[in-house]
N, C-alpha and C. Protein backbone atom coordinates (compact mmCIF):
# COMPACT_ATOMS: atom_id res chain seq x y z
N MET A 1 185.55 0.34 -108.53
CA MET A 1 186.42 -0.95 -108.31
C MET A 1 186.92 -0.93 -109.61
N GLN A 2 187.61 -1.82 -110.51
CA GLN A 2 188.18 -2.35 -111.61
C GLN A 2 187.18 -3.14 -111.95
N LEU A 3 187.04 -4.00 -113.38
CA LEU A 3 186.41 -4.57 -113.91
C LEU A 3 187.17 -5.19 -115.31
N VAL A 4 187.71 -6.31 -115.48
CA VAL A 4 188.09 -6.74 -116.38
C VAL A 4 187.27 -7.16 -117.66
N VAL A 5 188.11 -6.44 -118.47
CA VAL A 5 186.72 -6.95 -119.59
C VAL A 5 187.86 -7.45 -121.34
N GLY A 6 189.00 -7.63 -120.71
CA GLY A 6 189.55 -8.43 -121.76
C GLY A 6 191.09 -8.84 -120.78
N ARG A 7 191.94 -9.46 -122.14
CA ARG A 7 193.14 -9.89 -121.92
C ARG A 7 194.44 -10.14 -123.06
N ILE A 8 194.94 -8.82 -123.42
CA ILE A 8 196.14 -8.81 -124.70
C ILE A 8 196.80 -10.61 -124.15
N GLY A 9 196.78 -11.11 -125.50
CA GLY A 9 197.22 -12.18 -125.55
C GLY A 9 198.22 -12.05 -126.41
N ARG A 10 198.74 -13.23 -127.30
CA ARG A 10 200.01 -12.82 -128.30
C ARG A 10 199.89 -12.19 -129.51
N PRO A 11 201.13 -11.61 -129.89
CA PRO A 11 201.02 -11.21 -131.07
C PRO A 11 200.25 -11.79 -132.29
N HIS A 12 199.80 -11.38 -133.45
CA HIS A 12 199.41 -11.74 -134.22
C HIS A 12 199.86 -11.28 -136.00
N GLY A 13 200.28 -11.54 -136.55
CA GLY A 13 201.53 -11.01 -137.50
C GLY A 13 202.13 -10.16 -137.32
N VAL A 14 202.72 -8.97 -138.15
CA VAL A 14 204.30 -8.43 -138.07
C VAL A 14 203.73 -7.07 -137.58
N ARG A 15 202.30 -6.31 -137.64
CA ARG A 15 202.23 -5.24 -137.92
C ARG A 15 201.39 -4.41 -136.70
N GLY A 16 202.04 -5.57 -135.18
CA GLY A 16 201.02 -5.00 -133.97
C GLY A 16 199.83 -5.49 -133.52
N ASP A 17 199.30 -6.15 -134.44
CA ASP A 17 197.74 -6.46 -133.56
C ASP A 17 198.21 -7.48 -132.70
N VAL A 18 197.20 -7.68 -132.04
CA VAL A 18 197.01 -8.68 -130.66
C VAL A 18 196.01 -9.73 -130.68
N THR A 19 195.77 -10.38 -129.99
CA THR A 19 194.74 -11.49 -129.92
C THR A 19 194.42 -10.82 -128.43
N VAL A 20 192.70 -10.73 -128.04
CA VAL A 20 192.35 -10.55 -127.19
C VAL A 20 191.47 -11.31 -126.29
N GLU A 21 191.64 -11.71 -125.52
CA GLU A 21 190.70 -12.75 -124.74
C GLU A 21 189.60 -11.87 -124.06
N VAL A 22 188.39 -12.18 -124.67
CA VAL A 22 187.52 -11.55 -123.85
C VAL A 22 186.87 -11.83 -123.12
N ARG A 23 186.54 -11.05 -121.91
CA ARG A 23 186.21 -11.40 -120.65
C ARG A 23 184.48 -10.42 -120.53
N THR A 24 183.81 -10.04 -121.98
CA THR A 24 182.24 -9.40 -121.29
C THR A 24 181.95 -10.04 -122.12
N ASP A 25 180.42 -9.37 -121.80
CA ASP A 25 179.27 -10.36 -122.64
C ASP A 25 178.92 -9.24 -123.89
N ASP A 26 179.36 -7.94 -124.04
CA ASP A 26 179.24 -6.95 -124.92
C ASP A 26 180.54 -6.45 -125.41
N PRO A 27 181.53 -6.83 -126.70
CA PRO A 27 182.91 -6.64 -127.01
C PRO A 27 182.24 -5.31 -127.77
N GLU A 28 181.65 -5.21 -128.53
CA GLU A 28 181.12 -4.36 -129.39
C GLU A 28 181.17 -3.03 -128.90
N LEU A 29 180.41 -3.26 -127.56
CA LEU A 29 180.31 -1.96 -126.74
C LEU A 29 181.95 -1.92 -125.73
N ARG A 30 182.39 -2.40 -125.55
CA ARG A 30 183.82 -2.22 -124.70
C ARG A 30 184.85 -2.02 -125.60
N PHE A 31 184.84 -2.08 -126.58
CA PHE A 31 185.73 -2.11 -127.42
C PHE A 31 185.67 -1.30 -128.80
N PRO A 32 185.18 0.01 -128.33
CA PRO A 32 184.90 0.90 -130.00
C PRO A 32 186.05 1.20 -130.69
N VAL A 33 186.28 1.24 -131.84
CA VAL A 33 187.49 2.01 -132.45
C VAL A 33 187.39 3.42 -131.59
N GLY A 34 188.87 3.90 -131.04
CA GLY A 34 189.02 4.66 -130.94
C GLY A 34 188.62 5.29 -129.46
N ALA A 35 188.25 3.99 -128.66
CA ALA A 35 187.94 4.34 -126.89
C ALA A 35 189.55 3.85 -126.63
N SER A 36 189.66 4.85 -125.33
CA SER A 36 190.74 4.43 -124.46
C SER A 36 190.40 3.88 -123.35
N ILE A 37 191.13 3.14 -122.98
CA ILE A 37 190.77 1.69 -121.95
C ILE A 37 191.63 1.81 -121.05
N ALA A 38 191.41 1.63 -119.68
CA ALA A 38 192.47 1.60 -118.91
C ALA A 38 193.40 0.22 -118.95
N THR A 39 194.31 0.30 -118.08
CA THR A 39 194.90 -1.09 -118.40
C THR A 39 195.35 -1.70 -116.78
N ASP A 40 195.65 -2.79 -116.85
CA ASP A 40 196.19 -3.77 -115.73
C ASP A 40 197.44 -4.13 -115.89
N PRO A 41 198.81 -3.93 -115.86
CA PRO A 41 199.13 -3.07 -114.94
C PRO A 41 198.75 -1.40 -115.37
N ALA A 42 198.82 -0.82 -114.76
CA ALA A 42 198.46 0.68 -115.11
C ALA A 42 199.39 1.33 -116.25
N ASP A 43 200.71 0.96 -115.80
CA ASP A 43 201.89 1.89 -116.27
C ASP A 43 201.95 1.26 -117.69
N ARG A 44 200.77 0.40 -118.23
CA ARG A 44 200.99 0.04 -119.67
C ARG A 44 200.05 0.48 -120.47
N GLY A 45 199.13 1.39 -119.76
CA GLY A 45 198.21 2.34 -120.53
C GLY A 45 197.66 3.40 -120.20
N PRO A 46 196.65 4.50 -120.32
CA PRO A 46 196.00 3.80 -121.26
C PRO A 46 196.36 3.31 -122.79
N LEU A 47 195.13 2.36 -123.13
CA LEU A 47 195.54 2.35 -125.02
C LEU A 47 194.25 2.32 -125.45
N VAL A 48 194.63 3.40 -126.45
CA VAL A 48 193.41 3.79 -127.71
C VAL A 48 193.44 2.77 -128.65
N ILE A 49 192.05 2.48 -129.12
CA ILE A 49 192.20 1.02 -130.16
C ILE A 49 192.28 1.26 -131.30
N ALA A 50 193.02 1.43 -132.15
CA ALA A 50 193.54 1.80 -133.53
C ALA A 50 192.23 1.29 -134.50
N ALA A 51 191.95 -0.21 -134.47
CA ALA A 51 191.54 -1.09 -135.00
C ALA A 51 190.96 -2.55 -133.98
N ARG A 52 190.34 -3.34 -134.94
CA ARG A 52 189.87 -4.22 -134.00
C ARG A 52 188.76 -4.98 -135.13
N ARG A 53 188.65 -6.43 -135.25
CA ARG A 53 188.20 -7.04 -136.02
C ARG A 53 188.14 -8.58 -135.37
N TRP A 54 187.28 -9.14 -135.75
CA TRP A 54 187.33 -10.99 -135.43
C TRP A 54 187.77 -12.13 -136.32
N HIS A 55 188.44 -12.46 -136.61
CA HIS A 55 189.10 -13.66 -137.02
C HIS A 55 189.58 -14.93 -136.06
N LYS A 56 188.72 -15.72 -137.16
CA LYS A 56 188.25 -17.22 -136.77
C LYS A 56 187.91 -17.29 -135.35
N GLY A 57 187.22 -16.69 -134.69
CA GLY A 57 186.55 -16.82 -133.37
C GLY A 57 187.09 -16.01 -132.46
N MET A 58 188.10 -15.49 -132.87
CA MET A 58 189.47 -14.61 -132.03
C MET A 58 189.38 -12.92 -132.40
N LEU A 59 189.00 -11.93 -131.02
CA LEU A 59 189.29 -10.43 -131.33
C LEU A 59 190.54 -10.54 -131.29
N LEU A 60 190.85 -9.56 -132.76
CA LEU A 60 191.96 -9.16 -133.12
C LEU A 60 191.90 -7.55 -132.56
N MET A 61 193.12 -7.21 -131.89
CA MET A 61 193.14 -5.47 -131.49
C MET A 61 194.65 -4.68 -132.05
N SER A 62 194.24 -3.69 -132.42
CA SER A 62 195.66 -3.06 -132.71
C SER A 62 195.90 -1.64 -131.63
N PHE A 63 196.80 -0.79 -131.60
CA PHE A 63 196.70 -0.10 -130.36
C PHE A 63 197.42 1.32 -130.79
N GLU A 64 196.88 2.28 -130.83
CA GLU A 64 197.80 3.73 -131.21
C GLU A 64 199.18 3.21 -130.37
N GLY A 65 200.03 3.40 -131.54
CA GLY A 65 201.56 3.75 -131.08
C GLY A 65 202.25 2.03 -131.19
N VAL A 66 201.76 1.47 -131.45
CA VAL A 66 202.00 -0.06 -131.39
C VAL A 66 201.83 -0.29 -133.24
N SER A 67 203.08 -0.79 -133.30
CA SER A 67 202.88 -0.80 -134.85
C SER A 67 204.02 -2.07 -135.32
N ASP A 68 204.70 -3.37 -134.33
CA ASP A 68 205.47 -4.21 -134.82
C ASP A 68 205.12 -5.32 -133.82
N ARG A 69 205.30 -6.15 -133.90
CA ARG A 69 204.99 -7.45 -133.50
C ARG A 69 205.86 -7.17 -131.80
N ASP A 70 207.43 -7.07 -131.96
CA ASP A 70 207.91 -6.92 -130.63
C ASP A 70 207.15 -5.74 -129.35
N THR A 71 206.70 -4.90 -130.02
CA THR A 71 205.93 -3.92 -129.41
C THR A 71 204.35 -4.72 -128.54
N ALA A 72 204.13 -5.41 -129.62
CA ALA A 72 202.72 -5.91 -129.35
C ALA A 72 203.07 -7.08 -128.40
N ASP A 73 203.88 -7.92 -128.67
CA ASP A 73 204.66 -8.68 -127.64
C ASP A 73 204.20 -8.43 -125.82
N GLU A 74 205.08 -7.01 -125.42
CA GLU A 74 205.35 -6.50 -124.57
C GLU A 74 203.84 -6.43 -123.84
N LEU A 75 203.02 -6.09 -124.70
CA LEU A 75 201.47 -6.01 -123.59
C LEU A 75 200.98 -7.29 -123.46
N ARG A 76 201.87 -8.65 -123.52
CA ARG A 76 201.32 -9.61 -123.89
C ARG A 76 200.93 -10.12 -122.16
N GLY A 77 199.63 -10.76 -121.74
CA GLY A 77 199.20 -10.33 -120.57
C GLY A 77 198.64 -9.19 -119.82
N THR A 78 198.60 -8.39 -120.64
CA THR A 78 197.66 -6.96 -119.73
C THR A 78 196.26 -6.93 -120.04
N MET A 79 195.73 -6.98 -118.94
CA MET A 79 194.18 -6.98 -118.68
C MET A 79 194.16 -5.50 -119.06
N LEU A 80 192.74 -5.60 -119.94
CA LEU A 80 191.90 -4.34 -120.12
C LEU A 80 191.04 -4.19 -118.97
N VAL A 81 190.71 -2.79 -118.74
CA VAL A 81 189.80 -2.29 -117.69
C VAL A 81 188.87 -1.53 -117.70
N ILE A 82 187.70 -1.67 -117.17
CA ILE A 82 186.94 -0.80 -116.96
C ILE A 82 186.46 0.05 -115.83
N ASP A 83 185.86 0.94 -115.35
CA ASP A 83 185.20 1.17 -114.45
C ASP A 83 183.65 0.27 -113.79
N SER A 84 183.45 -0.12 -113.07
CA SER A 84 182.55 -0.61 -112.36
C SER A 84 180.85 0.64 -112.65
N ALA A 85 181.43 1.34 -112.50
CA ALA A 85 180.11 2.93 -112.58
C ALA A 85 179.74 2.76 -113.74
N GLU A 86 181.23 2.48 -115.00
CA GLU A 86 180.55 2.07 -116.62
C GLU A 86 179.69 1.11 -117.20
N VAL A 87 179.50 0.34 -116.08
CA VAL A 87 178.28 -0.79 -116.51
C VAL A 87 176.84 -0.49 -115.93
N GLU A 88 175.95 -0.65 -117.06
CA GLU A 88 174.55 0.13 -116.63
C GLU A 88 173.91 -1.59 -115.78
N PRO A 89 173.30 -0.78 -114.78
CA PRO A 89 172.36 -1.89 -114.42
C PRO A 89 172.02 -2.94 -115.44
N THR A 90 171.29 -4.11 -114.67
CA THR A 90 170.65 -4.94 -115.79
C THR A 90 168.97 -4.42 -115.89
N GLY A 91 168.74 -3.94 -115.09
CA GLY A 91 167.08 -3.81 -115.33
C GLY A 91 166.34 -4.80 -115.08
N ASP A 92 167.09 -6.04 -114.64
CA ASP A 92 166.11 -6.94 -114.05
C ASP A 92 166.19 -7.10 -112.35
N PRO A 93 165.12 -6.78 -111.68
CA PRO A 93 165.18 -6.84 -110.51
C PRO A 93 165.96 -8.07 -109.47
N ASP A 94 165.83 -9.30 -110.58
CA ASP A 94 166.54 -10.57 -110.13
C ASP A 94 167.50 -10.75 -110.47
N GLU A 95 168.85 -9.63 -111.26
CA GLU A 95 169.85 -9.96 -111.61
C GLU A 95 170.74 -8.86 -111.57
N PHE A 96 171.85 -9.45 -111.08
CA PHE A 96 172.95 -8.68 -110.70
C PHE A 96 174.44 -9.24 -111.34
N HIS A 97 174.81 -7.94 -111.56
CA HIS A 97 176.57 -8.32 -111.55
C HIS A 97 177.58 -8.93 -110.49
N ASP A 98 178.28 -9.34 -110.74
CA ASP A 98 179.14 -9.78 -109.68
C ASP A 98 179.72 -8.54 -108.55
N HIS A 99 180.46 -7.71 -109.35
CA HIS A 99 180.84 -6.24 -108.76
C HIS A 99 179.36 -5.90 -107.63
N GLU A 100 178.39 -5.43 -108.14
CA GLU A 100 177.11 -5.68 -107.14
C GLU A 100 176.97 -6.13 -105.91
N LEU A 101 177.49 -7.71 -106.05
CA LEU A 101 177.27 -8.02 -104.55
C LEU A 101 178.57 -8.31 -103.84
N ILE A 102 179.68 -7.79 -104.10
CA ILE A 102 180.52 -8.47 -103.80
C ILE A 102 180.75 -6.59 -102.66
N GLY A 103 180.99 -7.33 -101.33
CA GLY A 103 180.55 -6.56 -100.20
C GLY A 103 179.59 -6.20 -99.62
N LEU A 104 178.83 -6.66 -100.17
CA LEU A 104 177.35 -6.96 -99.16
C LEU A 104 177.38 -7.66 -97.96
N ALA A 105 176.59 -7.20 -96.84
CA ALA A 105 176.60 -7.85 -95.51
C ALA A 105 175.38 -8.84 -95.95
N VAL A 106 175.96 -10.55 -94.89
CA VAL A 106 174.96 -10.93 -95.77
C VAL A 106 174.24 -11.28 -94.25
N GLU A 107 172.98 -11.35 -93.98
CA GLU A 107 172.31 -11.57 -92.98
C GLU A 107 171.01 -12.88 -92.91
N THR A 108 171.01 -13.45 -91.68
CA THR A 108 169.47 -14.38 -91.91
C THR A 108 168.45 -13.93 -92.46
N VAL A 109 167.40 -14.63 -92.51
CA VAL A 109 166.03 -13.72 -92.49
C VAL A 109 165.70 -13.73 -91.04
N SER A 110 166.19 -14.24 -90.04
CA SER A 110 166.18 -13.97 -88.86
C SER A 110 167.21 -12.64 -88.27
N GLY A 111 167.55 -12.04 -88.81
CA GLY A 111 168.07 -10.67 -88.82
C GLY A 111 169.53 -11.13 -88.48
N ASP A 112 170.37 -12.57 -88.28
CA ASP A 112 171.68 -12.52 -87.49
C ASP A 112 172.68 -12.33 -88.44
N PRO A 113 173.82 -11.98 -88.00
CA PRO A 113 174.60 -11.26 -89.01
C PRO A 113 175.70 -12.68 -89.56
N VAL A 114 175.93 -12.75 -91.11
CA VAL A 114 176.61 -14.43 -91.24
C VAL A 114 177.92 -13.66 -92.09
N GLY A 115 178.22 -12.61 -92.50
CA GLY A 115 179.58 -12.08 -93.09
C GLY A 115 179.40 -11.23 -93.92
N GLU A 116 180.32 -11.52 -95.14
CA GLU A 116 180.22 -10.29 -96.06
C GLU A 116 180.16 -11.06 -97.26
N VAL A 117 180.00 -10.91 -98.62
CA VAL A 117 180.28 -11.34 -100.03
C VAL A 117 181.71 -11.09 -100.74
N GLU A 118 182.49 -12.32 -100.21
CA GLU A 118 183.81 -11.41 -100.77
C GLU A 118 184.67 -12.19 -102.48
N ASP A 119 183.27 -12.45 -102.86
CA ASP A 119 183.50 -13.32 -104.32
C ASP A 119 182.27 -14.20 -104.57
N VAL A 120 182.10 -13.77 -106.40
CA VAL A 120 180.61 -15.03 -106.71
C VAL A 120 181.44 -15.76 -107.57
N LEU A 121 181.32 -16.99 -107.72
CA LEU A 121 181.98 -18.27 -108.63
C LEU A 121 181.00 -18.66 -109.27
N HIS A 122 181.45 -18.83 -110.31
CA HIS A 122 180.39 -19.35 -111.31
C HIS A 122 180.83 -20.75 -112.77
N HIS A 123 180.18 -21.74 -111.48
CA HIS A 123 180.83 -23.24 -111.57
C HIS A 123 179.70 -23.80 -111.90
N GLY A 124 179.13 -23.69 -113.00
CA GLY A 124 177.82 -24.49 -113.12
C GLY A 124 176.79 -23.53 -112.14
N GLN A 125 176.72 -23.73 -111.32
CA GLN A 125 175.79 -22.95 -110.21
C GLN A 125 176.54 -21.56 -109.62
N ASP A 126 175.89 -20.50 -109.50
CA ASP A 126 176.35 -19.19 -109.09
C ASP A 126 176.54 -19.72 -107.60
N LEU A 127 177.26 -19.20 -106.95
CA LEU A 127 177.73 -19.65 -105.41
C LEU A 127 178.48 -18.50 -104.68
N LEU A 128 177.74 -17.56 -104.02
CA LEU A 128 178.40 -16.83 -102.92
C LEU A 128 179.34 -17.07 -102.39
N VAL A 129 180.47 -16.23 -102.32
CA VAL A 129 181.80 -16.72 -101.04
C VAL A 129 181.70 -15.83 -100.01
N VAL A 130 181.17 -16.22 -98.85
CA VAL A 130 180.81 -15.34 -97.92
C VAL A 130 181.77 -15.67 -96.75
N ARG A 131 182.55 -14.40 -96.33
CA ARG A 131 183.66 -14.11 -95.74
C ARG A 131 183.25 -13.76 -93.72
N ARG A 132 182.97 -15.05 -92.92
CA ARG A 132 182.79 -14.72 -91.73
C ARG A 132 183.93 -15.37 -90.57
N LYS A 133 183.47 -13.89 -89.98
CA LYS A 133 184.58 -13.38 -89.00
C LYS A 133 185.14 -15.18 -88.02
N GLY A 134 186.46 -15.03 -87.93
CA GLY A 134 186.54 -16.83 -87.07
C GLY A 134 185.99 -18.08 -87.55
N GLN A 135 185.85 -17.95 -88.98
CA GLN A 135 184.81 -19.34 -89.31
C GLN A 135 185.79 -18.99 -90.97
N ASP A 136 185.41 -20.39 -91.21
CA ASP A 136 185.91 -20.51 -92.81
C ASP A 136 184.92 -19.77 -93.61
N ASP A 137 185.34 -19.51 -94.82
CA ASP A 137 184.17 -18.98 -95.46
C ASP A 137 183.08 -19.90 -96.00
N ALA A 138 181.21 -19.24 -96.58
CA ALA A 138 180.74 -20.29 -96.19
C ALA A 138 179.88 -20.15 -98.12
N LEU A 139 179.97 -21.03 -98.30
CA LEU A 139 179.85 -21.33 -100.31
C LEU A 139 178.16 -21.15 -100.15
N ILE A 140 177.60 -20.49 -100.92
CA ILE A 140 175.99 -20.24 -100.68
C ILE A 140 175.71 -20.13 -102.34
N PRO A 141 174.63 -21.02 -102.45
CA PRO A 141 174.20 -21.16 -103.55
C PRO A 141 173.26 -19.86 -103.94
N PHE A 142 173.57 -19.04 -105.54
CA PHE A 142 172.77 -17.97 -105.31
C PHE A 142 171.57 -18.41 -106.01
N VAL A 143 170.79 -18.99 -105.50
CA VAL A 143 169.47 -19.19 -105.87
C VAL A 143 168.30 -18.16 -104.73
N LYS A 144 166.67 -17.91 -105.37
CA LYS A 144 166.02 -17.63 -104.64
C LYS A 144 165.55 -18.37 -103.51
N ALA A 145 165.61 -19.46 -103.05
CA ALA A 145 165.18 -19.97 -102.45
C ALA A 145 165.62 -19.63 -101.27
N LEU A 146 167.11 -19.95 -101.34
CA LEU A 146 168.23 -19.40 -100.17
C LEU A 146 168.63 -18.26 -100.20
N VAL A 147 168.45 -17.37 -100.81
CA VAL A 147 168.71 -15.93 -101.28
C VAL A 147 167.63 -15.16 -101.29
N PRO A 148 166.74 -15.11 -100.55
CA PRO A 148 165.11 -14.11 -101.13
C PRO A 148 165.33 -13.00 -101.27
N GLU A 149 166.63 -12.16 -100.55
CA GLU A 149 166.31 -10.79 -100.42
C GLU A 149 167.83 -10.18 -100.91
N VAL A 150 167.82 -9.58 -102.15
CA VAL A 150 169.08 -8.30 -102.41
C VAL A 150 168.75 -6.89 -101.96
N ASP A 151 169.43 -6.60 -101.40
CA ASP A 151 168.97 -5.05 -101.88
C ASP A 151 170.60 -4.27 -101.37
N VAL A 152 170.87 -3.85 -102.94
CA VAL A 152 172.17 -3.47 -103.08
C VAL A 152 172.32 -1.97 -102.42
N GLU A 153 171.31 -0.75 -102.96
CA GLU A 153 171.24 0.04 -101.86
C GLU A 153 171.48 0.65 -100.51
N ALA A 154 170.74 -0.89 -99.88
CA ALA A 154 170.98 -0.94 -98.54
C ALA A 154 172.50 -1.35 -97.88
N GLY A 155 173.33 -2.10 -99.24
CA GLY A 155 174.32 -2.76 -98.37
C GLY A 155 173.89 -4.25 -98.51
N ARG A 156 173.04 -4.86 -98.50
CA ARG A 156 172.61 -6.30 -97.80
C ARG A 156 172.03 -7.41 -98.33
N LEU A 157 172.48 -8.20 -98.27
CA LEU A 157 171.10 -9.54 -98.80
C LEU A 157 170.86 -10.76 -97.73
N ILE A 158 170.14 -10.89 -97.92
CA ILE A 158 169.23 -12.02 -96.86
C ILE A 158 169.51 -13.23 -97.30
N VAL A 159 169.82 -14.20 -96.50
CA VAL A 159 169.92 -15.79 -96.84
C VAL A 159 169.13 -16.42 -95.85
N ASP A 160 168.13 -17.64 -96.69
CA ASP A 160 167.69 -18.07 -95.64
C ASP A 160 168.30 -19.78 -96.12
N PRO A 161 169.16 -20.10 -95.38
CA PRO A 161 170.09 -20.84 -95.13
C PRO A 161 169.10 -22.49 -94.64
N PRO A 162 168.93 -23.49 -95.07
CA PRO A 162 168.95 -25.20 -94.49
C PRO A 162 169.97 -25.25 -93.42
N GLU A 163 169.42 -26.51 -92.87
CA GLU A 163 170.30 -26.74 -91.26
C GLU A 163 171.76 -26.97 -92.38
N GLY A 164 172.97 -26.78 -91.51
CA GLY A 164 173.91 -27.16 -91.50
C GLY A 164 174.82 -26.37 -92.94
N LEU A 165 174.51 -25.60 -93.67
CA LEU A 165 174.94 -24.51 -94.67
C LEU A 165 176.09 -23.97 -94.35
N LEU A 166 175.79 -23.11 -92.94
CA LEU A 166 176.35 -22.50 -92.20
C LEU A 166 177.11 -22.76 -91.12
């Protein structure tokens, strides 16, 4: 699965630098100088990072072969992506990356199938979007009281929903 770690924005200056909207919590690890990074759409890359620096809270990057403003502008909107296999586990048994949860089968504590995790929303509180056959999607707050067990290796998570949630 591809994960977006950045989005190329507008050009900065006339030498091919671009702004990058960072979508990772560790830009130093994801964007080292000399690294080749895949893109979406794929035909715009891979891009090799020639330089990077912070300017007024914005990440500026330049790529090999991109040396003028017009060429840099052609990259606007390009997503910088990595393979989910490149993301290290958190090491905390109660902390998960979104890509680890998406696709897990959802069951109740009594073993009844509920559906499959389709997405994870982060709006003040983390919510699991659970796709259910023949029904509307369910939004389940991702808290220990309602999701007592997550077993990524087994491909499932257990929910203990209060009356009316499902």
